[in-house]
Protein backbone atom coordinates (compact mmCIF):
# COMPACT_ATOMS: atom_id res chain seq x y z
CA MET A 1 5.79 -13.32 18.66
CA GLN A 2 8.08 -11.63 21.00
CA ARG A 3 7.87 -8.10 20.03
CA LYS A 4 9.27 -4.97 21.83
CA GLU A 5 6.85 -2.42 23.85
CA SER A 6 7.78 0.20 21.63
CA TRP A 7 6.96 -2.02 18.36
CA ASN A 8 3.36 -2.57 20.26
CA PRO A 9 1.93 1.18 20.17
CA LEU A 10 -1.47 -0.91 19.39
CA LYS A 11 -1.13 -3.35 21.58
CA GLY A 12 -4.39 -3.71 23.52
CA THR A 13 -6.41 -2.47 20.68
CA ARG A 14 -8.68 -5.16 19.02
CA ILE A 15 -9.91 -4.28 15.01
CA VAL A 16 -12.32 -5.99 13.38
CA ASP A 17 -11.78 -6.34 9.96
CA PHE A 18 -14.47 -6.94 6.82
CA THR A 19 -11.69 -5.49 4.03
CA PHE A 20 -10.90 -7.56 0.99
CA GLN A 21 -8.20 -7.17 -1.97
CA GLY A 22 -5.26 -4.64 -1.69
CA ALA A 23 -5.98 -1.31 0.03
CA GLY A 24 -8.24 -2.24 2.88
CA PRO A 25 -6.21 -5.51 3.82
CA HIS A 26 -3.00 -3.52 3.79
CA ALA A 27 -3.95 -1.04 5.78
CA SER A 28 -5.44 -3.49 8.77
CA MET A 29 -2.31 -4.98 8.39
CA LEU A 30 -0.03 -2.28 9.00
CA LEU A 31 -2.05 -1.79 12.31
CA ALA A 32 -1.36 -5.27 12.74
CA PHE A 33 2.27 -4.47 12.63
CA LEU A 34 1.56 -1.78 15.45
CA GLY A 35 0.65 -4.17 17.90
CA ALA A 36 -2.83 -4.21 17.42
CA GLU A 37 -5.24 -7.61 17.59
CA VAL A 38 -6.84 -7.55 13.66
CA ILE A 39 -10.13 -10.20 13.35
CA LYS A 40 -10.47 -10.62 9.38
CA VAL A 41 -13.86 -11.90 8.81
CA GLU A 42 -14.50 -14.30 5.68
CA SER A 43 -17.13 -16.91 5.03
CA GLU A 44 -16.46 -19.68 2.15
CA THR A 45 -19.16 -18.31 0.82
CA ARG A 46 -16.93 -14.48 0.29
CA PRO A 47 -13.45 -15.25 0.61
CA ASP A 48 -11.13 -12.79 -0.20
CA PRO A 49 -10.30 -12.64 -3.47
CA THR A 50 -6.43 -12.58 -3.17
CA ARG A 51 -6.82 -16.02 -1.17
CA GLY A 52 -6.78 -17.32 -4.79
CA ARG A 53 -10.00 -19.29 -6.32
CA GLU A 54 -7.05 -22.52 -7.23
CA ASN A 55 -6.57 -22.49 -3.44
CA ARG A 56 -9.97 -24.42 -2.57
CA PRO A 57 -11.20 -24.47 0.48
CA TYR A 58 -9.46 -20.85 0.86
CA THR A 59 -6.31 -21.21 2.69
CA ARG A 60 -3.47 -18.92 1.36
CA SER A 61 -2.00 -17.52 -1.65
CA LEU A 62 1.05 -15.52 -1.81
CA LEU A 63 -0.81 -12.35 -3.32
CA PHE A 64 -2.80 -12.99 0.24
CA GLU A 65 -0.02 -13.16 2.33
CA ASP A 66 1.11 -10.16 1.05
CA VAL A 67 -1.04 -8.00 2.90
CA ASN A 68 -3.07 -9.97 5.45
CA LEU A 69 0.24 -11.19 7.58
CA SER A 70 -0.30 -10.60 11.44
CA LYS A 71 -3.87 -11.20 11.67
CA ARG A 72 -6.39 -13.76 12.55
CA SER A 73 -9.73 -14.68 10.79
CA LEU A 74 -12.44 -15.84 11.71
CA ARG A 75 -15.52 -17.45 9.55
CA LEU A 76 -18.96 -16.19 9.20
CA ASN A 77 -21.64 -16.16 6.48
CA MET A 78 -23.27 -12.89 6.83
CA LYS A 79 -25.74 -14.05 4.79
CA HIS A 80 -27.10 -15.78 7.79
CA PRO A 81 -29.04 -13.57 10.61
CA GLU A 82 -27.25 -15.45 14.04
CA ALA A 83 -23.24 -14.53 11.82
CA VAL A 84 -24.47 -11.16 11.72
CA ALA A 85 -25.77 -11.23 15.46
CA VAL A 86 -21.91 -12.66 16.38
CA ALA A 87 -20.33 -9.93 14.28
CA ARG A 88 -22.50 -6.79 15.90
CA ARG A 89 -21.36 -8.38 19.36
CA LEU A 90 -17.93 -8.56 17.78
CA ILE A 91 -17.53 -5.23 17.01
CA LEU A 92 -18.83 -3.89 20.63
CA ALA A 93 -16.63 -5.42 22.29
CA SER A 94 -13.83 -4.04 19.93
CA ASP A 95 -12.15 -0.77 19.55
CA ALA A 96 -12.43 -0.40 15.94
CA VAL A 97 -14.23 -1.93 12.43
CA MET A 98 -13.07 -0.98 8.99
CA ASP A 99 -14.64 -1.99 5.49
CA ASN A 100 -13.93 -1.43 2.59
CA PHE A 101 -17.45 -2.36 1.10
CA ARG A 102 -19.32 -0.22 -1.23
CA PRO A 103 -21.38 2.48 0.83
CA GLY A 104 -25.16 0.49 2.13
CA VAL A 105 -23.49 -2.52 2.58
CA MET A 106 -22.79 -2.55 6.63
CA GLU A 107 -26.23 -0.74 6.88
CA ARG A 108 -27.74 -3.81 4.70
CA TRP A 109 -26.56 -6.02 7.77
CA GLY A 110 -27.98 -3.76 10.51
CA LEU A 111 -24.68 -2.47 11.16
CA SER A 112 -24.82 1.24 10.41
CA PRO A 113 -22.06 3.50 11.72
CA SER A 114 -24.72 5.68 13.64
CA SER A 115 -26.34 2.33 15.58
CA LEU A 116 -23.08 1.36 16.25
CA LEU A 117 -21.80 4.50 17.81
CA GLU A 118 -25.05 4.52 19.63
CA GLU A 119 -23.60 1.31 21.03
CA LYS A 120 -20.51 2.19 22.07
CA PRO A 121 -19.70 5.84 21.63
CA SER A 122 -15.93 5.25 21.63
CA LEU A 123 -15.73 2.84 18.33
CA VAL A 124 -14.12 3.81 15.60
CA VAL A 125 -16.13 2.85 12.55
CA ALA A 126 -13.43 3.39 9.50
CA SER A 127 -15.14 3.10 5.61
CA LEU A 128 -13.07 3.05 2.28
CA SER A 129 -14.73 3.14 -0.72
CA ALA A 130 -14.53 4.24 -4.03
CA ALA A 131 -15.98 8.26 -3.97
CA GLY A 132 -16.58 7.93 -0.35
CA SER A 133 -20.19 7.61 1.26
CA GLY A 134 -21.68 10.80 0.37
CA GLY A 135 -22.14 12.72 -2.77
CA PRO A 136 -23.52 11.97 -6.32
CA LEU A 137 -20.82 9.51 -7.12
CA SER A 138 -21.15 7.11 -3.84
CA HIS A 139 -22.04 4.13 -5.09
CA LEU A 140 -19.08 3.70 -7.71
CA PRO A 141 -16.91 0.39 -7.64
CA GLY A 142 -13.86 0.69 -8.19
CA TYR A 143 -10.43 -0.56 -8.00
CA ALA A 144 -6.37 1.27 -8.30
CA GLY A 145 -7.16 1.90 -12.03
CA ILE A 146 -9.96 3.59 -11.08
CA PHE A 147 -8.78 5.30 -8.19
CA ASN A 148 -5.73 6.54 -10.60
CA ALA A 149 -7.74 7.84 -13.07
CA MET A 150 -10.14 9.91 -11.34
CA GLY A 151 -7.80 11.05 -8.71
CA GLY A 152 -5.75 12.83 -11.37
CA LEU A 153 -2.42 10.93 -11.04
CA GLY A 154 -3.07 9.11 -14.42
CA GLU A 155 -3.44 11.64 -16.59
CA LEU A 156 0.05 12.84 -14.90
CA THR A 157 1.58 9.51 -15.52
CA GLY A 158 3.10 8.34 -18.69
CA TYR A 159 5.48 9.69 -21.77
CA GLN A 160 4.47 13.39 -23.45
CA GLY A 161 2.14 12.70 -26.16
CA GLY A 162 1.51 9.21 -25.21
CA PRO A 163 -1.54 7.72 -23.46
CA PRO A 164 -2.18 8.06 -19.52
CA THR A 165 -0.59 4.91 -17.50
CA GLU A 166 -2.58 3.12 -14.92
CA LEU A 167 0.09 2.13 -11.57
CA ARG A 168 -2.11 -0.85 -10.30
CA THR A 169 -1.96 -1.96 -7.54
CA SER A 170 1.02 1.11 -6.02
CA VAL A 171 -2.09 2.58 -5.59
CA ASP A 172 -4.23 0.69 -3.77
CA MET A 173 -1.00 0.59 -1.04
CA ARG A 174 -0.39 4.40 -0.69
CA VAL A 175 -4.20 4.14 -0.41
CA GLY A 176 -4.46 1.71 2.33
CA ALA A 177 -1.27 3.88 3.86
CA VAL A 178 -3.75 6.58 4.30
CA PHE A 179 -6.99 4.73 5.48
CA ALA A 180 -4.33 3.04 8.01
CA ALA A 181 -3.18 6.94 9.26
CA ALA A 182 -6.80 7.51 9.43
CA VAL A 183 -7.74 4.68 11.53
CA VAL A 184 -5.10 5.71 14.04
CA LEU A 185 -5.68 9.15 14.19
CA GLY A 186 -9.40 7.81 15.51
CA LEU A 187 -8.07 5.40 17.98
CA LEU A 188 -5.84 8.56 19.74
CA ARG A 189 -9.21 10.12 20.00
CA ALA A 190 -11.38 7.77 21.40
CA ARG A 191 -8.23 6.78 23.88
CA ALA A 192 -8.24 10.84 24.71
CA THR A 193 -11.44 12.23 24.88
CA GLY A 194 -13.47 8.20 25.15
CA ARG A 195 -14.96 9.39 21.67
CA GLY A 196 -14.73 7.55 18.98
CA CYS A 197 -15.94 8.64 15.63
CA ARG A 198 -17.03 7.99 12.29
CA ILE A 199 -14.13 7.80 9.04
CA ASP A 200 -15.07 7.93 5.78
CA LEU A 201 -12.01 7.43 3.80
CA SER A 202 -12.48 8.24 -0.33
CA ALA A 203 -9.73 6.38 -2.39
CA ILE A 204 -9.97 8.64 -5.18
CA GLU A 205 -9.22 11.53 -2.96
CA ALA A 206 -6.52 9.89 -1.16
CA VAL A 207 -5.21 9.20 -4.75
CA SER A 208 -5.80 13.58 -5.12
CA MET A 209 -2.99 13.93 -2.30
CA LEU A 210 -0.29 12.47 -4.47
CA ILE A 211 -0.39 15.35 -6.90
CA GLY A 212 -0.51 18.55 -4.45
CA GLU A 213 1.67 20.22 -6.45
CA TYR A 214 0.23 20.37 -9.47
CA LEU A 215 -3.07 21.11 -7.99
CA ALA A 216 -1.01 24.17 -6.49
CA LEU A 217 0.38 25.07 -9.89
CA PHE A 218 -3.15 25.06 -11.27
CA LEU A 219 -5.11 26.84 -8.96
CA ALA A 220 -2.32 29.42 -8.67
CA ARG A 221 -1.08 29.76 -12.32
CA GLY A 222 -3.50 27.98 -14.28
CA VAL A 223 -1.67 25.88 -15.58
CA VAL A 224 -2.56 22.00 -16.50
CA PRO A 225 0.84 20.15 -15.89
CA GLN A 226 1.42 17.62 -18.41
CA ARG A 227 2.95 14.29 -18.56
CA ILE A 228 6.26 14.28 -18.99
CA GLY A 229 7.57 10.54 -18.45
CA ASN A 230 11.00 9.83 -16.87
CA ARG A 231 11.79 13.57 -17.15
CA ASP A 232 11.65 16.17 -14.08
CA GLU A 233 10.85 20.36 -14.29
CA GLU A 234 13.91 21.01 -12.15
CA MET A 235 16.70 18.73 -13.26
CA ALA A 236 18.51 17.23 -16.31
CA PRO A 237 19.70 14.94 -17.55
CA HIS A 238 16.97 12.92 -15.59
CA GLY A 239 16.02 9.46 -16.33
CA VAL A 240 15.91 5.81 -17.42
CA TYR A 241 18.62 4.75 -19.88
CA PRO A 242 19.49 1.60 -21.57
CA CYS A 243 22.39 -0.28 -20.08
CA LYS A 244 24.59 -3.05 -21.69
CA GLY A 245 23.13 -6.59 -21.20
CA GLY A 246 19.49 -5.10 -21.04
CA GLY A 247 19.38 -3.72 -17.68
CA TRP A 248 18.45 0.07 -16.99
CA LEU A 249 20.12 2.71 -14.55
CA ALA A 250 18.13 5.89 -13.25
CA LEU A 251 19.75 8.88 -13.49
CA ALA A 252 19.54 12.02 -12.26
CA VAL A 253 21.78 15.12 -12.11
CA ARG A 254 20.71 18.06 -9.56
CA GLY A 255 23.09 21.10 -10.39
CA ASP A 256 26.04 22.52 -12.74
CA GLU A 257 28.91 21.18 -10.48
CA GLU A 258 26.64 17.31 -11.01
CA TRP A 259 26.53 17.89 -14.48
CA ARG A 260 29.98 19.05 -15.01
CA ARG A 261 31.02 15.61 -12.96
CA LEU A 262 28.87 13.29 -14.68
CA CYS A 263 31.08 14.60 -18.29
CA ARG A 264 34.07 13.56 -16.79
CA LEU A 265 33.07 10.31 -15.95
CA MET A 266 31.49 10.00 -19.41
CA GLY A 267 34.84 11.34 -20.71
CA ARG A 268 32.98 14.14 -23.13
CA ASP A 269 34.90 17.21 -22.13
CA ASP A 270 33.07 18.95 -25.05
CA LEU A 271 30.11 18.72 -23.35
CA ALA A 272 31.44 19.88 -20.74
CA GLY A 273 32.48 23.09 -22.38
CA ARG A 274 29.24 23.72 -24.06
CA GLN A 275 27.76 27.20 -22.52
CA ASP A 276 24.25 26.46 -23.72
CA LEU A 277 24.86 23.31 -21.49
CA ALA A 278 26.41 24.36 -18.48
CA HIS A 279 23.11 25.78 -16.91
CA VAL A 280 20.35 23.39 -16.07
CA GLU A 281 17.68 25.83 -17.98
CA GLY A 282 20.05 24.83 -21.51
CA ARG A 283 19.55 21.40 -20.55
CA LEU A 284 15.86 21.28 -19.98
CA ARG A 285 15.76 22.79 -23.31
CA ASN A 286 18.48 20.03 -25.08
CA GLN A 287 16.80 16.84 -23.20
CA ASP A 288 16.38 15.28 -26.31
CA TRP A 289 19.39 15.43 -27.55
CA LEU A 290 21.47 14.96 -24.19
CA ASP A 291 18.96 11.77 -23.72
CA GLU A 292 20.18 9.88 -26.70
CA GLU A 293 23.99 11.02 -25.68
CA ILE A 294 23.42 9.70 -22.57
CA GLY A 295 22.22 6.63 -23.32
CA ARG A 296 24.73 5.72 -25.60
CA TRP A 297 26.95 6.22 -23.13
CA THR A 298 25.65 4.37 -20.70
CA ALA A 299 24.71 1.35 -23.29
CA GLY A 300 28.16 0.62 -23.15
CA HIS A 301 28.44 -0.08 -19.92
CA GLU A 302 26.60 -2.74 -17.46
CA THR A 303 24.35 -1.47 -15.11
CA GLY A 304 26.26 -2.16 -11.40
CA GLU A 305 29.31 -0.59 -13.23
CA LEU A 306 27.16 2.71 -13.30
CA PHE A 307 26.43 2.68 -9.97
CA HIS A 308 29.16 2.54 -8.41
CA ARG A 309 31.06 5.01 -10.23
CA LEU A 310 28.66 7.31 -10.69
CA GLN A 311 27.47 7.11 -7.10
CA GLY A 312 31.06 7.61 -6.09
CA ALA A 313 31.60 10.68 -8.06
CA GLY A 314 28.39 12.26 -5.81
CA ILE A 315 25.93 11.81 -8.76
CA ALA A 316 22.29 9.73 -7.77
CA ALA A 317 21.96 6.86 -9.57
CA ALA A 318 20.20 3.16 -9.51
CA PRO A 319 19.52 0.01 -11.11
CA VAL A 320 16.60 -0.53 -12.00
CA LEU A 321 15.49 -3.59 -10.29
CA ASP A 322 13.23 -6.48 -11.53
CA ALA A 323 11.32 -8.73 -8.91
CA LYS A 324 14.27 -11.06 -8.81
CA GLN A 325 17.02 -8.53 -7.96
CA LEU A 326 15.24 -7.36 -5.39
CA VAL A 327 14.83 -10.21 -3.75
CA CYS A 328 18.54 -10.70 -3.92
CA ASP A 329 19.70 -7.31 -3.63
CA PRO A 330 22.44 -7.62 -0.49
CA HIS A 331 21.68 -4.14 0.68
CA LEU A 332 17.98 -5.28 1.40
CA VAL A 333 18.60 -9.29 2.27
CA GLY A 334 20.92 -7.77 5.11
CA ARG A 335 18.32 -5.27 6.45
CA GLN A 336 15.99 -8.41 6.58
CA VAL A 337 13.42 -6.41 4.62
CA PHE A 338 11.71 -9.89 3.10
CA TYR A 339 9.80 -12.57 5.21
CA ARG A 340 9.85 -15.72 3.95
CA THR A 341 6.91 -17.67 4.00
CA SER A 342 5.56 -21.19 2.80
CA VAL A 343 2.05 -21.56 0.90
CA GLY A 344 1.09 -25.00 -0.03
CA GLY A 345 4.20 -26.64 0.07
CA ARG A 346 5.78 -23.50 -1.97
CA GLU A 347 8.63 -21.41 -0.62
CA GLY A 348 7.71 -17.62 -0.78
CA MET A 349 8.53 -14.31 -0.11
CA THR A 350 7.20 -11.08 0.61
CA VAL A 351 7.85 -7.31 2.00
CA GLY A 352 7.63 -7.84 5.92
CA VAL A 353 7.06 -4.87 8.56
CA PRO A 354 8.67 -2.26 6.95
CA TRP A 355 10.94 -0.45 9.64
CA VAL A 356 13.26 -0.74 12.61
CA VAL A 357 13.04 0.04 15.74
CA ASP A 358 16.14 0.57 18.05
CA GLY A 359 18.42 -1.62 15.61
CA GLU A 360 15.90 -4.08 15.24
CA ARG A 361 12.94 -5.19 12.86
CA PRO A 362 9.45 -6.59 14.01
CA GLN A 363 8.67 -9.74 12.25
CA PRO A 364 5.42 -10.71 11.79
CA HIS A 365 3.61 -13.53 11.55
CA PRO A 366 1.77 -15.52 8.80
CA ALA A 367 -1.58 -14.63 7.42
CA PRO A 368 -4.38 -16.78 8.48
CA VAL A 369 -5.83 -20.01 7.06
CA LEU A 370 -9.59 -19.08 5.98
CA GLY A 371 -11.31 -19.09 9.41
CA GLY A 372 -8.52 -20.06 11.73
CA ASP A 373 -8.97 -19.02 14.35
CA THR A 374 -12.86 -18.80 14.41
CA VAL A 375 -13.52 -21.13 18.14
CA GLN A 376 -10.41 -19.18 19.20
CA VAL A 377 -12.05 -15.75 18.82
CA LEU A 378 -15.41 -17.14 19.40
CA GLU A 379 -14.27 -18.73 22.85
CA GLU A 380 -11.79 -15.40 24.01
CA VAL A 381 -13.49 -12.32 22.79
CA LEU A 382 -17.43 -13.35 23.17
CA GLY A 383 -17.11 -16.03 25.74
CA LEU A 384 -19.37 -18.49 23.58
CA SER A 385 -18.98 -22.22 24.93
CA GLN A 386 -18.28 -25.01 22.50
CA ALA A 387 -21.92 -25.87 22.67
CA GLU A 388 -22.98 -22.61 21.90
CA ILE A 389 -20.33 -22.66 18.58
CA ALA A 390 -21.49 -26.46 17.78
CA ARG A 391 -24.81 -24.72 17.15
CA LEU A 392 -23.69 -22.18 15.25
CA GLN A 393 -21.73 -24.15 12.87
CA GLU A 394 -24.57 -26.63 12.38
CA SER A 395 -26.91 -23.78 11.66
CA GLY A 396 -24.40 -22.78 9.01
CA ALA A 397 -23.48 -19.08 10.43
CA LEU A 398 -19.39 -19.85 10.50
CA LYS A 399 -19.99 -21.20 7.16
């Protein structure tokens, strides 16, 4: 893959990647997009679950592709002592190692951060877990729903009077972005000072960053924020409204002038003339009634029609796109947002590199087949001979 140097700030950086599922692989994929050589360590005995068990012998799935583009794959059976020895050599020949195990797994393999940093002080040792490596909940198992709940975001997500709402994999992607940023920070420090570091990231704490304004409100005023659904504390009307044909429209009206423009588009001079709705404070007090009025209006029009009319009037509005509409959206297609791939003979598509540099979007390469780069990595990075590799294969270390 030919890429401009400006797209490769991590060129020459090698990262050993023990992460699996969503947040960790998303983080290491972002680092691969920045030019790092990311070597994903897996085995047939413990493949990344996102490969899909229907895809034996654990090649690739579209879900796996979504968070593992532009990586290499090394097959190591970490239950085998020789595989652990190979892993240690590989880590010490690299710039960083990442994992998202529960605390203690790397230590049980003899790969503790302290021992690795003692041998290579410039190494970045980065771990992501649900609650971090210290404290009474450090061994808490968790996935996106747990991070969402204990990070405080779930309590704020949902409709007033209803239950908290789980955000699922979007939480993983947000946590993964924080993890990637932390690793970049460690690598920059190592480049500048020659000193590596131990990064300990709690997914719960990363999610808590997303509700900083609500924590500040509580700390400053003692107010515990409540769920408000699709509404906003400072804008009204603000919500998602039904449209003709089953579509939905997101609408956000900021300021009194925008409100008057909306009234003109709706043909509702009566609303524009009401003094109790002239200012946002009054509209916030009348949101239930306003939502009903706007919903009746939007229900008589197609989503696309309202999108163009409202945007043309300077009012923030957008269609709520489903997956099919998203991948066919002419704006996104024109910007080459999606990466086409083929898995098991099936054509697929995923979001590629999420940035454009100097007018061009870098193109990733496909996610790796399980162990597809094992021989090359052992030869190129560790300098093992074919005979040594064959012996490791026979011993079961590369299973």
